[in-house]
C-alpha atoms as a PDB file:
ATOM      1  CA  MET A   1      90.160  71.558  45.728  1.00  0.00           C
ATOM      2  CA  ALA A   2      92.881  73.780  46.486  1.00  0.00           C
ATOM      3  CA  LYS A   3      93.033  75.693  50.028  1.00  0.00           C
ATOM      4  CA  PRO A   4      92.593  79.482  49.647  1.00  0.00           C
ATOM      5  CA  ASN A   5      95.992  80.883  51.840  1.00  0.00           C
ATOM      6  CA  SER A   6      96.166  84.326  50.461  1.00  0.00           C
ATOM      7  CA  ARG A   7      93.680  86.796  49.686  1.00  0.00           C
ATOM      8  CA  ALA A   8      94.191  86.491  45.717  1.00  0.00           C
ATOM      9  CA  THR A   9      93.873  82.733  45.987  1.00  0.00           C
ATOM     10  CA  TYR A  10      90.522  83.425  48.169  1.00  0.00           C
ATOM     11  CA  ILE A  11      89.428  85.705  45.284  1.00  0.00           C
ATOM     12  CA  THR A  12      89.912  83.206  42.739  1.00  0.00           C
ATOM     13  CA  TYR A  13      88.066  80.658  44.693  1.00  0.00           C
ATOM     14  CA  CYS A  14      85.365  83.065  45.140  1.00  0.00           C
ATOM     15  CA  LYS A  15      85.264  83.671  41.649  1.00  0.00           C
ATOM     16  CA  ARG A  16      85.395  79.959  40.512  1.00  0.00           C
ATOM     17  CA  ALA A  17      82.369  79.423  42.839  1.00  0.00           C
ATOM     18  CA  LEU A  18      80.683  81.655  40.452  1.00  0.00           C
ATOM     19  CA  GLY A  19      81.828  80.002  37.205  1.00  0.00           C
ATOM     20  CA  HIS A  20      84.997  81.824  36.261  1.00  0.00           C
ATOM     21  CA  PRO A  21      86.538  80.977  33.759  1.00  0.00           C
ATOM     22  CA  VAL A  22      83.991  79.117  31.954  1.00  0.00           C
ATOM     23  CA  ILE A  23      81.700  82.239  32.997  1.00  0.00           C
ATOM     24  CA  GLU A  24      82.422  85.870  32.311  1.00  0.00           C
ATOM     25  CA  ILE A  25      82.110  87.953  36.049  1.00  0.00           C
ATOM     26  CA  ASN A  26      81.226  91.016  35.102  1.00  0.00           C
ATOM     27  CA  VAL A  27      82.641  92.339  38.054  1.00  0.00           C
ATOM     28  CA  ASP A  28      85.692  94.787  38.257  1.00  0.00           C
ATOM     29  CA  ASP A  29      88.812  93.953  40.029  1.00  0.00           C
ATOM     30  CA  ASP A  30      88.067  97.356  42.636  1.00  0.00           C
ATOM     31  CA  GLN A  31      84.724  96.032  43.478  1.00  0.00           C
ATOM     32  CA  VAL A  32      85.906  92.326  44.207  1.00  0.00           C
ATOM     33  CA  ASP A  33      88.791  94.050  46.873  1.00  0.00           C
ATOM     34  CA  ASP A  34      85.352  96.125  48.537  1.00  0.00           C
ATOM     35  CA  ARG A  35      83.458  92.716  48.657  1.00  0.00           C
ATOM     36  CA  VAL A  36      86.277  90.964  50.156  1.00  0.00           C
ATOM     37  CA  ASP A  37      86.892  93.996  52.706  1.00  0.00           C
ATOM     38  CA  GLU A  38      83.063  93.798  53.328  1.00  0.00           C
ATOM     39  CA  ALA A  39      83.224  90.133  53.872  1.00  0.00           C
ATOM     40  CA  LEU A  40      86.333  90.005  56.175  1.00  0.00           C
ATOM     41  CA  GLN A  41      84.676  92.545  58.173  1.00  0.00           C
ATOM     42  CA  PHE A  42      81.594  91.175  58.731  1.00  0.00           C
ATOM     43  CA  TYR A  43      83.463  87.654  59.376  1.00  0.00           C
ATOM     44  CA  GLN A  44      85.918  89.611  62.127  1.00  0.00           C
ATOM     45  CA  GLU A  45      82.416  91.367  63.981  1.00  0.00           C
ATOM     46  CA  TYR A  46      80.386  88.678  64.133  1.00  0.00           C
ATOM     47  CA  HIS A  47      82.365  85.120  63.670  1.00  0.00           C
ATOM     48  CA  GLY A  48      83.606  83.511  66.945  1.00  0.00           C
ATOM     49  CA  ASP A  49      86.531  82.091  64.925  1.00  0.00           C
ATOM     50  CA  SER A  50      87.830  85.402  63.688  1.00  0.00           C
ATOM     51  CA  VAL A  51      89.146  86.515  67.161  1.00  0.00           C
ATOM     52  CA  GLU A  52      91.011  84.768  70.225  1.00  0.00           C
ATOM     53  CA  LYS A  53      91.327  85.810  73.836  1.00  0.00           C
ATOM     54  CA  VAL A  54      94.658  87.337  74.952  1.00  0.00           C
ATOM     55  CA  PHE A  55      96.432  88.496  78.161  1.00  0.00           C
ATOM     56  CA  LEU A  56      98.572  91.366  77.011  1.00  0.00           C
ATOM     57  CA  THR A  57     101.256  93.042  78.985  1.00  0.00           C
ATOM     58  CA  HIS A  58     101.455  96.959  78.933  1.00  0.00           C
ATOM     59  CA  LYS A  59     104.474  98.923  80.271  1.00  0.00           C
ATOM     60  CA  VAL A  60     103.279 102.287  82.152  1.00  0.00           C
ATOM     61  CA  THR A  61     104.915 105.226  80.769  1.00  0.00           C
ATOM     62  CA  GLY A  62     105.036 109.133  81.917  1.00  0.00           C
ATOM     63  CA  SER A  63     105.530 112.188  80.297  1.00  0.00           C
ATOM     64  CA  SER A  64     108.124 113.956  79.220  1.00  0.00           C
ATOM     65  CA  LEU A  65     109.531 117.901  78.694  1.00  0.00           C
ATOM     66  CA  THR A  66     111.741 118.237  75.702  1.00  0.00           C
ATOM     67  CA  LEU A  67     113.695 121.381  76.242  1.00  0.00           C
ATOM     68  CA  SER A  68     114.757 123.714  73.249  1.00  0.00           C
ATOM     69  CA  ALA A  69     118.440 123.730  74.515  1.00  0.00           C
ATOM     70  CA  ALA A  70     120.287 120.885  76.185  1.00  0.00           C
ATOM     71  CA  VAL A  71     120.054 122.407  79.830  1.00  0.00           C
ATOM     72  CA  ALA A  72     118.047 119.536  81.586  1.00  0.00           C
ATOM     73  CA  GLY A  73     121.319 118.860  83.689  1.00  0.00           C
ATOM     74  CA  ASN A  74     120.672 122.195  85.714  1.00  0.00           C
ATOM     75  CA  PHE A  75     117.722 120.524  87.116  1.00  0.00           C
ATOM     76  CA  THR A  76     117.801 118.122  89.916  1.00  0.00           C
ATOM     77  CA  VAL A  77     116.036 115.121  90.018  1.00  0.00           C
ATOM     78  CA  GLY A  78     113.394 114.779  92.277  1.00  0.00           C
ATOM     79  CA  GLU A  79     112.918 118.459  92.258  1.00  0.00           C
ATOM     80  CA  THR A  80     109.537 120.092  91.653  1.00  0.00           C
ATOM     81  CA  ILE A  81     109.301 122.162  88.074  1.00  0.00           C
ATOM     82  CA  THR A  82     106.837 125.201  88.110  1.00  0.00           C
ATOM     83  CA  GLY A  83     105.061 125.903  84.659  1.00  0.00           C
ATOM     84  CA  SER A  84     105.683 130.137  84.146  1.00  0.00           C
ATOM     85  CA  THR A  85     102.228 130.266  82.556  1.00  0.00           C
ATOM     86  CA  SER A  86      99.874 127.094  82.776  1.00  0.00           C
ATOM     87  CA  GLY A  87     101.641 126.759  86.728  1.00  0.00           C
ATOM     88  CA  ALA A  88     101.510 123.428  86.096  1.00  0.00           C
ATOM     89  CA  THR A  89     103.684 121.789  88.718  1.00  0.00           C
ATOM     90  CA  ALA A  90     105.246 117.973  88.594  1.00  0.00           C
ATOM     91  CA  VAL A  91     108.242 115.904  90.060  1.00  0.00           C
ATOM     92  CA  ILE A  92     111.063 115.549  88.122  1.00  0.00           C
ATOM     93  CA  LYS A  93     111.941 111.804  87.518  1.00  0.00           C
ATOM     94  CA  THR A  94     114.980 112.154  85.293  1.00  0.00           C
ATOM     95  CA  ALA A  95     116.509 114.860  83.275  1.00  0.00           C
ATOM     96  CA  ALA A  96     119.266 114.017  80.943  1.00  0.00           C
ATOM     97  CA  THR A  97     120.621 116.354  78.078  1.00  0.00           C
ATOM     98  CA  ASN A  98     116.907 118.355  76.804  1.00  0.00           C
ATOM     99  CA  LYS A  99     114.805 115.728  78.193  1.00  0.00           C
ATOM    100  CA  ILE A 100     113.141 116.100  81.334  1.00  0.00           C
ATOM    101  CA  THR A 101     110.501 113.267  82.576  1.00  0.00           C
ATOM    102  CA  TYR A 102     107.817 113.083  85.347  1.00  0.00           C
ATOM    103  CA  ALA A 103     105.001 110.731  86.408  1.00  0.00           C
ATOM    104  CA  TYR A 104     102.282 112.374  86.752  1.00  0.00           C
ATOM    105  CA  LEU A 105     101.444 116.432  87.105  1.00  0.00           C
ATOM    106  CA  GLY A 106     100.482 118.229  90.313  1.00  0.00           C
ATOM    107  CA  ASP A 107      97.341 119.138  89.785  1.00  0.00           C
ATOM    108  CA  SER A 108      95.526 117.194  86.336  1.00  0.00           C
ATOM    109  CA  ASN A 109      93.989 120.483  85.261  1.00  0.00           C
ATOM    110  CA  LYS A 110      96.883 122.161  84.589  1.00  0.00           C
ATOM    111  CA  PRO A 111      99.085 120.624  82.212  1.00  0.00           C
ATOM    112  CA  PHE A 112     102.217 122.199  81.055  1.00  0.00           C
ATOM    113  CA  GLU A 113     102.265 124.248  77.901  1.00  0.00           C
ATOM    114  CA  ALA A 114     104.966 125.342  75.408  1.00  0.00           C
ATOM    115  CA  GLU A 115     106.435 127.854  78.389  1.00  0.00           C
ATOM    116  CA  THR A 116     109.288 128.426  80.374  1.00  0.00           C
ATOM    117  CA  ILE A 117     109.851 126.057  83.801  1.00  0.00           C
ATOM    118  CA  THR A 118     111.356 126.657  86.954  1.00  0.00           C
ATOM    119  CA  GLY A 119     113.023 123.871  89.441  1.00  0.00           C
ATOM    120  CA  GLY A 120     111.596 124.793  92.853  1.00  0.00           C
ATOM    121  CA  THR A 121     115.207 123.786  94.516  1.00  0.00           C
ATOM    122  CA  SER A 122     117.961 124.536  91.536  1.00  0.00           C
ATOM    123  CA  ALA A 123     116.096 127.793  90.594  1.00  0.00           C
ATOM    124  CA  ALA A 124     117.493 126.337  87.177  1.00  0.00           C
ATOM    125  CA  THR A 125     115.064 127.705  83.937  1.00  0.00           C
ATOM    126  CA  ALA A 126     114.377 126.034  80.534  1.00  0.00           C
ATOM    127  CA  THR A 127     111.845 126.940  77.481  1.00  0.00           C
ATOM    128  CA  VAL A 128     109.583 124.046  76.733  1.00  0.00           C
ATOM    129  CA  ALA A 129     109.786 122.969  73.201  1.00  0.00           C
ATOM    130  CA  THR A 130     107.485 119.538  72.643  1.00  0.00           C
ATOM    131  CA  ILE A 131     105.713 117.947  75.282  1.00  0.00           C
ATOM    132  CA  VAL A 132     104.671 114.002  75.219  1.00  0.00           C
ATOM    133  CA  LYS A 133     102.314 113.097  77.781  1.00  0.00           C
ATOM    134  CA  GLY A 134     102.090 109.718  78.856  1.00  0.00           C
ATOM    135  CA  ASN A 135     100.006 106.961  80.149  1.00  0.00           C
ATOM    136  CA  ILE A 136      99.434 108.563  83.992  1.00  0.00           C
ATOM    137  CA  GLU A 137      98.797 111.816  82.508  1.00  0.00           C
ATOM    138  CA  THR A 138      96.056 111.147  80.074  1.00  0.00           C
ATOM    139  CA  GLY A 139      94.869 107.822  81.903  1.00  0.00           C
ATOM    140  CA  THR A 140      94.851 106.060  78.688  1.00  0.00           C
ATOM    141  CA  VAL A 141      96.069 103.413  77.079  1.00  0.00           C
ATOM    142  CA  VAL A 142      96.690 103.114  73.100  1.00  0.00           C
ATOM    143  CA  ILE A 143      95.497  99.655  72.184  1.00  0.00           C
ATOM    144  CA  ASN A 144      96.578  97.759  68.544  1.00  0.00           C
ATOM    145  CA  ASP A 145      93.671  98.186  66.059  1.00  0.00           C
ATOM    146  CA  LEU A 146      93.057  94.208  65.782  1.00  0.00           C
ATOM    147  CA  ILE A 147      91.420  94.537  69.357  1.00  0.00           C
ATOM    148  CA  THR A 148      87.918  94.130  69.227  1.00  0.00           C
ATOM    149  CA  ASN A 149      87.025  93.823  73.088  1.00  0.00           C
ATOM    150  CA  VAL A 150      88.606  94.688  76.204  1.00  0.00           C
ATOM    151  CA  VAL A 151      87.268  92.672  79.053  1.00  0.00           C
ATOM    152  CA  ARG A 152      89.052  94.046  82.148  1.00  0.00           C
ATOM    153  CA  VAL A 153      92.423  95.400  83.863  1.00  0.00           C
ATOM    154  CA  PHE A 154      93.760  93.168  86.105  1.00  0.00           C
ATOM    155  CA  PRO A 155      94.461  94.105  89.113  1.00  0.00           C
ATOM    156  CA  LEU A 156      97.265  96.044  89.873  1.00  0.00           C
ATOM    157  CA  LYS A 157      97.962  95.846  93.314  1.00  0.00           C
ATOM    158  CA  ASP A 158      97.566  92.592  95.740  1.00  0.00           C
ATOM    159  CA  SER A 159      94.493  93.038  98.162  1.00  0.00           C
ATOM    160  CA  ASN A 160      96.806  91.337 100.916  1.00  0.00           C
ATOM    161  CA  ASP A 161      99.724  93.851 100.071  1.00  0.00           C
ATOM    162  CA  GLY A 162     100.464  93.647 103.580  1.00  0.00           C
ATOM    163  CA  GLY A 163     100.725  89.432 103.812  1.00  0.00           C
ATOM    164  CA  VAL A 164      98.675  86.881 105.719  1.00  0.00           C
ATOM    165  CA  ASP A 165      99.399  86.535 109.648  1.00  0.00           C
ATOM    166  CA  MET A 166      98.232  84.222 111.491  1.00  0.00           C
ATOM    167  CA  PHE A 167      95.346  86.514 112.664  1.00  0.00           C
ATOM    168  CA  ASP A 168      94.218  86.660 109.071  1.00  0.00           C
ATOM    169  CA  ILE A 169      90.794  85.232 108.407  1.00  0.00           C
ATOM    170  CA  LYS A 170      91.845  82.929 105.615  1.00  0.00           C
ATOM    171  CA  TYR A 171      94.674  81.643 107.391  1.00  0.00           C
ATOM    172  CA  GLN A 172      92.518  80.553 110.120  1.00  0.00           C
ATOM    173  CA  MET A 173      90.245  78.592 107.840  1.00  0.00           C
ATOM    174  CA  HIS A 174      93.183  76.863 106.342  1.00  0.00           C
ATOM    175  CA  LEU A 175      94.192  76.007 109.907  1.00  0.00           C
ATOM    176  CA  ASN A 176      91.310  74.749 111.040  1.00  0.00           C
ATOM    177  CA  ASP A 177      89.419  73.518 108.072  1.00  0.00           C
ATOM    178  CA  VAL A 178      92.137  71.112 106.456  1.00  0.00           C
ATOM    179  CA  TYR A 179      93.273  69.764 109.467  1.00  0.00           C
ATOM    180  CA  SER A 180      89.347  67.968 109.394  1.00  0.00           C
ATOM    181  CA  LEU A 181      89.442  67.530 105.954  1.00  0.00           C
ATOM    182  CA  GLY A 182      90.217  63.822 106.337  1.00  0.00           C
ATOM    183  CA  PHE A 183      88.346  63.195 109.273  1.00  0.00           C
ATOM    184  CA  MET A 184      84.807  64.720 110.421  1.00  0.00           C
ATOM    185  CA  GLY A 185      85.344  67.916 107.984  1.00  0.00           C
ATOM    186  CA  SER A 186      83.534  68.420 104.893  1.00  0.00           C
ATOM    187  CA  LEU A 187      84.715  69.909 101.514  1.00  0.00           C
ATOM    188  CA  ALA A 188      81.675  71.033 100.387  1.00  0.00           C
ATOM    189  CA  GLU A 189      81.154  73.185 103.388  1.00  0.00           C
ATOM    190  CA  TYR A 190      84.821  74.157 102.935  1.00  0.00           C
ATOM    191  CA  ASN A 191      84.442  75.416  99.271  1.00  0.00           C
ATOM    192  CA  MET A 192      80.897  77.239 100.258  1.00  0.00           C
ATOM    193  CA  THR A 193      82.962  78.714 103.103  1.00  0.00           C
ATOM    194  CA  MET A 194      85.862  79.979 100.442  1.00  0.00           C
ATOM    195  CA  GLU A 195      83.385  81.347  98.204  1.00  0.00           C
ATOM    196  CA  TRP A 196      82.095  83.430 100.566  1.00  0.00           C
ATOM    197  CA  LEU A 197      85.223  84.486 101.246  1.00  0.00           C
ATOM    198  CA  ALA A 198      86.288  85.209  97.533  1.00  0.00           C
ATOM    199  CA  MET A 199      82.746  87.048  97.119  1.00  0.00           C
ATOM    200  CA  LEU A 200      83.418  89.499 100.770  1.00  0.00           C
ATOM    201  CA  ASP A 201      86.861  89.975  98.876  1.00  0.00           C
ATOM    202  CA  LEU A 202      85.307  91.183  95.754  1.00  0.00           C
ATOM    203  CA  VAL A 203      82.631  93.581  97.686  1.00  0.00           C
ATOM    204  CA  ILE A 204      84.832  94.977 100.042  1.00  0.00           C
ATOM    205  CA  GLY A 205      88.496  94.282  98.938  1.00  0.00           C
ATOM    206  CA  ASN A 206      87.717  94.626  94.935  1.00  0.00           C
ATOM    207  CA  ASP A 207      90.388  96.483  92.653  1.00  0.00           C
ATOM    208  CA  ASP A 208      88.919  96.179  89.383  1.00  0.00           C
ATOM    209  CA  LYS A 209      89.115  99.145  87.220  1.00  0.00           C
ATOM    210  CA  HIS A 210      86.046 100.861  85.729  1.00  0.00           C
ATOM    211  CA  ILE A 211      86.973 100.752  81.931  1.00  0.00           C
ATOM    212  CA  SER A 212      86.060 102.473  78.577  1.00  0.00           C
ATOM    213  CA  PHE A 213      87.334 101.306  75.259  1.00  0.00           C
ATOM    214  CA  ASN A 214      86.231 102.643  71.692  1.00  0.00           C
ATOM    215  CA  ARG A 215      87.282 100.561  69.176  1.00  0.00           C
ATOM    216  CA  HIS A 216      87.442 103.105  66.554  1.00  0.00           C
ATOM    217  CA  ARG A 217      90.102 105.492  68.797  1.00  0.00           C
ATOM    218  CA  ASN A 218      91.822 102.294  69.804  1.00  0.00           C
ATOM    219  CA  THR A 219      91.833 103.933  73.382  1.00  0.00           C
ATOM    220  CA  LEU A 220      91.565 102.190  76.531  1.00  0.00           C
ATOM    221  CA  ARG A 221      90.597 104.523  79.727  1.00  0.00           C
ATOM    222  CA  ILE A 222      90.895 103.441  82.949  1.00  0.00           C
ATOM    223  CA  ASP A 223      89.566 105.436  85.382  1.00  0.00           C
ATOM    224  CA  MET A 224      91.721 105.465  88.828  1.00  0.00           C
ATOM    225  CA  ASP A 225      94.177 107.100  90.659  1.00  0.00           C
ATOM    226  CA  TRP A 226      96.957 106.707  88.381  1.00  0.00           C
ATOM    227  CA  SER A 227      99.395 108.424  90.717  1.00  0.00           C
ATOM    228  CA  GLU A 228      98.514 105.922  93.812  1.00  0.00           C
ATOM    229  CA  GLU A 229      97.661 102.757  91.887  1.00  0.00           C
ATOM    230  CA  VAL A 230     100.863 102.404  89.240  1.00  0.00           C
ATOM    231  CA  ASP A 231     104.310 103.926  89.199  1.00  0.00           C
ATOM    232  CA  VAL A 232     106.136 104.991  85.234  1.00  0.00           C
ATOM    233  CA  ASP A 233     107.882 101.430  83.781  1.00  0.00           C
ATOM    234  CA  SER A 234     105.273  98.942  85.841  1.00  0.00           C
ATOM    235  CA  TYR A 235     103.167  96.449  84.037  1.00  0.00           C
ATOM    236  CA  MET A 236      99.317  96.086  83.270  1.00  0.00           C
ATOM    237  CA  ILE A 237      98.064  92.921  82.212  1.00  0.00           C
ATOM    238  CA  ILE A 238      94.765  93.984  79.718  1.00  0.00           C
ATOM    239  CA  GLU A 239      92.509  90.808  78.986  1.00  0.00           C
ATOM    240  CA  CYS A 240      90.768  91.399  75.811  1.00  0.00           C
ATOM    241  CA  TYR A 241      89.866  89.939  72.398  1.00  0.00           C
ATOM    242  CA  ARG A 242      92.140  90.319  69.594  1.00  0.00           C
ATOM    243  CA  ILE A 243      91.117  89.683  65.517  1.00  0.00           C
ATOM    244  CA  ILE A 244      93.214  86.801  64.027  1.00  0.00           C
ATOM    245  CA  ASP A 245      95.138  88.641  61.319  1.00  0.00           C
ATOM    246  CA  PRO A 246      94.481  86.661  57.773  1.00  0.00           C
ATOM    247  CA  ASP A 247      97.574  87.744  57.062  1.00  0.00           C
ATOM    248  CA  THR A 248      99.515  86.158  59.555  1.00  0.00           C
ATOM    249  CA  TYR A 249      96.986  83.353  59.970  1.00  0.00           C
ATOM    250  CA  THR A 250      96.648  82.395  56.032  1.00  0.00           C
ATOM    251  CA  ASP A 251      94.160  79.231  56.935  1.00  0.00           C
ATOM    252  CA  VAL A 252      91.613  82.329  58.000  1.00  0.00           C
ATOM    253  CA  TYR A 253      90.911  82.168  54.274  1.00  0.00           C
ATOM    254  CA  ASN A 254      90.082  78.724  53.838  1.00  0.00           C
ATOM    255  CA  ASP A 255      87.118  79.387  56.892  1.00  0.00           C
ATOM    256  CA  TYR A 256      83.954  77.547  55.306  1.00  0.00           C
ATOM    257  CA  PHE A 257      81.641  80.672  56.239  1.00  0.00           C
ATOM    258  CA  LEU A 258      84.266  83.511  55.110  1.00  0.00           C
ATOM    259  CA  LYS A 259      84.009  81.482  51.629  1.00  0.00           C
ATOM    260  CA  LYS A 260      80.689  81.175  51.118  1.00  0.00           C
ATOM    261  CA  TYR A 261      79.643  84.653  52.310  1.00  0.00           C
ATOM    262  CA  GLY A 262      82.645  86.148  50.158  1.00  0.00           C
ATOM    263  CA  THR A 263      80.999  84.643  46.913  1.00  0.00           C
ATOM    264  CA  ALA A 264      77.624  85.703  48.264  1.00  0.00           C
ATOM    265  CA  LEU A 265      78.654  89.391  48.418  1.00  0.00           C
ATOM    266  CA  ILE A 266      80.896  89.144  44.896  1.00  0.00           C
ATOM    267  CA  LYS A 267      77.697  87.548  43.089  1.00  0.00           C
ATOM    268  CA  GLN A 268      75.660  90.400  44.818  1.00  0.00           C
ATOM    269  CA  GLN A 269      77.710  92.848  43.007  1.00  0.00           C
ATOM    270  CA  TRP A 270      77.589  90.492  39.382  1.00  0.00           C
ATOM    271  CA  GLY A 271      73.817  91.076  39.729  1.00  0.00           C
ATOM    272  CA  ALA A 272      73.718  94.676  40.602  1.00  0.00           C
ATOM    273  CA  ASN A 273      76.402  95.347  37.703  1.00  0.00           C
ATOM    274  CA  LEU A 274      73.815  93.468  34.887  1.00  0.00           C
ATOM    275  CA  ILE A 275      70.608  95.557  36.594  1.00  0.00           C
ATOM    276  CA  LYS A 276      70.266  97.993  34.231  1.00  0.00           C
ATOM    277  CA  PHE A 277      70.372  95.628  30.954  1.00  0.00           C
ATOM    278  CA  GLU A 278      67.681  93.606  32.400  1.00  0.00           C
ATOM    279  CA  GLY A 279      65.820  92.258  29.405  1.00  0.00           C
ATOM    280  CA  MET A 280      68.523  93.269  26.716  1.00  0.00           C
ATOM    281  CA  GLN A 281      68.660  90.445  24.209  1.00  0.00           C
ATOM    282  CA  MET A 282      72.284  89.469  23.085  1.00  0.00           C
ATOM    283  CA  PRO A 283      72.991  87.550  19.720  1.00  0.00           C
ATOM    284  CA  GLY A 284      71.394  84.352  19.789  1.00  0.00           C
ATOM    285  CA  GLY A 285      68.576  85.393  22.007  1.00  0.00           C
ATOM    286  CA  VAL A 286      70.381  85.497  25.471  1.00  0.00           C
ATOM    287  CA  THR A 287      68.758  87.805  27.537  1.00  0.00           C
ATOM    288  CA  PHE A 288      70.576  89.056  30.452  1.00  0.00           C
ATOM    289  CA  ASN A 289      68.819  88.684  34.124  1.00  0.00           C
ATOM    290  CA  GLY A 290      70.881  90.351  36.887  1.00  0.00           C
ATOM    291  CA  ARG A 291      67.926  90.887  38.542  1.00  0.00           C
ATOM    292  CA  GLN A 292      67.839  86.982  39.633  1.00  0.00           C
ATOM    293  CA  LEU A 293      71.581  87.115  40.142  1.00  0.00           C
ATOM    294  CA  TYR A 294      70.856  89.725  42.867  1.00  0.00           C
ATOM    295  CA  ASP A 295      67.766  88.745  44.640  1.00  0.00           C
ATOM    296  CA  ASP A 296      69.521  84.698  44.463  1.00  0.00           C
ATOM    297  CA  ALA A 297      72.411  86.194  46.466  1.00  0.00           C
ATOM    298  CA  LEU A 298      70.853  88.580  48.680  1.00  0.00           C
ATOM    299  CA  GLN A 299      68.676  85.318  49.822  1.00  0.00           C
ATOM    300  CA  ASP A 300      72.428  83.561  50.303  1.00  0.00           C
ATOM    301  CA  ILE A 301      73.276  86.384  52.152  1.00  0.00           C
ATOM    302  CA  GLU A 302      70.563  86.652  54.443  1.00  0.00           C
ATOM    303  CA  LYS A 303      71.057  83.103  55.186  1.00  0.00           C
ATOM    304  CA  LEU A 304      74.616  83.044  55.828  1.00  0.00           C
ATOM    305  CA  THR A 305      73.939  86.078  58.228  1.00  0.00           C
ATOM    306  CA  GLU A 306      71.183  84.273  60.227  1.00  0.00           C
ATOM    307  CA  GLU A 307      73.785  81.212  60.404  1.00  0.00           C
ATOM    308  CA  ALA A 308      76.350  83.696  61.518  1.00  0.00           C
ATOM    309  CA  ARG A 309      74.451  85.557  64.639  1.00  0.00           C
ATOM    310  CA  LEU A 310      72.811  82.094  65.532  1.00  0.00           C
ATOM    311  CA  ASN A 311      75.649  79.762  65.118  1.00  0.00           C
ATOM    312  CA  TRP A 312      78.961  81.208  65.518  1.00  0.00           C
ATOM    313  CA  GLU A 313      78.799  84.484  67.288  1.00  0.00           C
ATOM    314  CA  LEU A 314      80.244  84.791  71.080  1.00  0.00           C
ATOM    315  CA  PRO A 315      77.936  85.705  73.528  1.00  0.00           C
ATOM    316  CA  ILE A 316      77.839  89.656  74.352  1.00  0.00           C
ATOM    317  CA  ASP A 317      78.617  89.015  77.837  1.00  0.00           C
ATOM    318  CA  PHE A 318      82.037  87.200  76.823  1.00  0.00           C
ATOM    319  CA  MET A 319      83.538  90.355  75.583  1.00  0.00           C
ATOM    320  CA  THR A 320      82.206  92.621  78.826  1.00  0.00           C
ATOM    321  CA  GLY A 321      84.262  94.204  81.151  1.00  0.00           C
END
């Protein structure tokens, strides 16, 4: 049996399973493509083998103002620019040729517009032509459309930025308990103590971010004070689930469930196409029975759907941030 390793061979396999080329499959090519897309969509939504956990790195971007003339050099890096119409303010991070970049706005409710800006120190002026808002200003990160769920954003700062000195409680625990582990100490007690300290750190020093991800917008919103938490060109790590792209990892097309499900969908389409001819007799006394094809396929689809939801779907809390 040939193993499907592409969309074309997958379609051929499904048709062969329905009797092609011995039996003519009365389904249009566009209809077949639609059913294959539907099968892949269901598979990627509910089958655990269709996704993988990944850790994405994202480089934080700042915002930029493109000027109508190459006069950015007249401004001074580190000075505050002000918009004449919007009243927006920002501190210049870089200024070269016709582009000025900044990390964040002085007031998030006052963004720049296509207006004249003035440097607070240099007194230079320029007209803004276009504006590109970065991550810090928008508070969002654009996510690849293969991402199905975002679990969390890893802490951007270590909760012990100041370091651990000899008076730190964790240091004292290690100093006293590790010494006695091989003698009178109890490993169980030490483990429980460390779990207690971890819980305290989770409640008191927690640095997890409140996140909101919408798959259809491909946008991850992180609710935090971006100006305090991150800098331009710093990195954040995003834990998420990503679809295994079948065009890259072609073994997906040979998945047992996907082959059965795609075949059932095409069979249902075949039955739907023949229902209008139900009862019509052909030469030789052959009678169309599209209704039976449709009902059989519907039963197969219901069975496979239940199987996927019960046996193959990942627990919801695995993908909840």
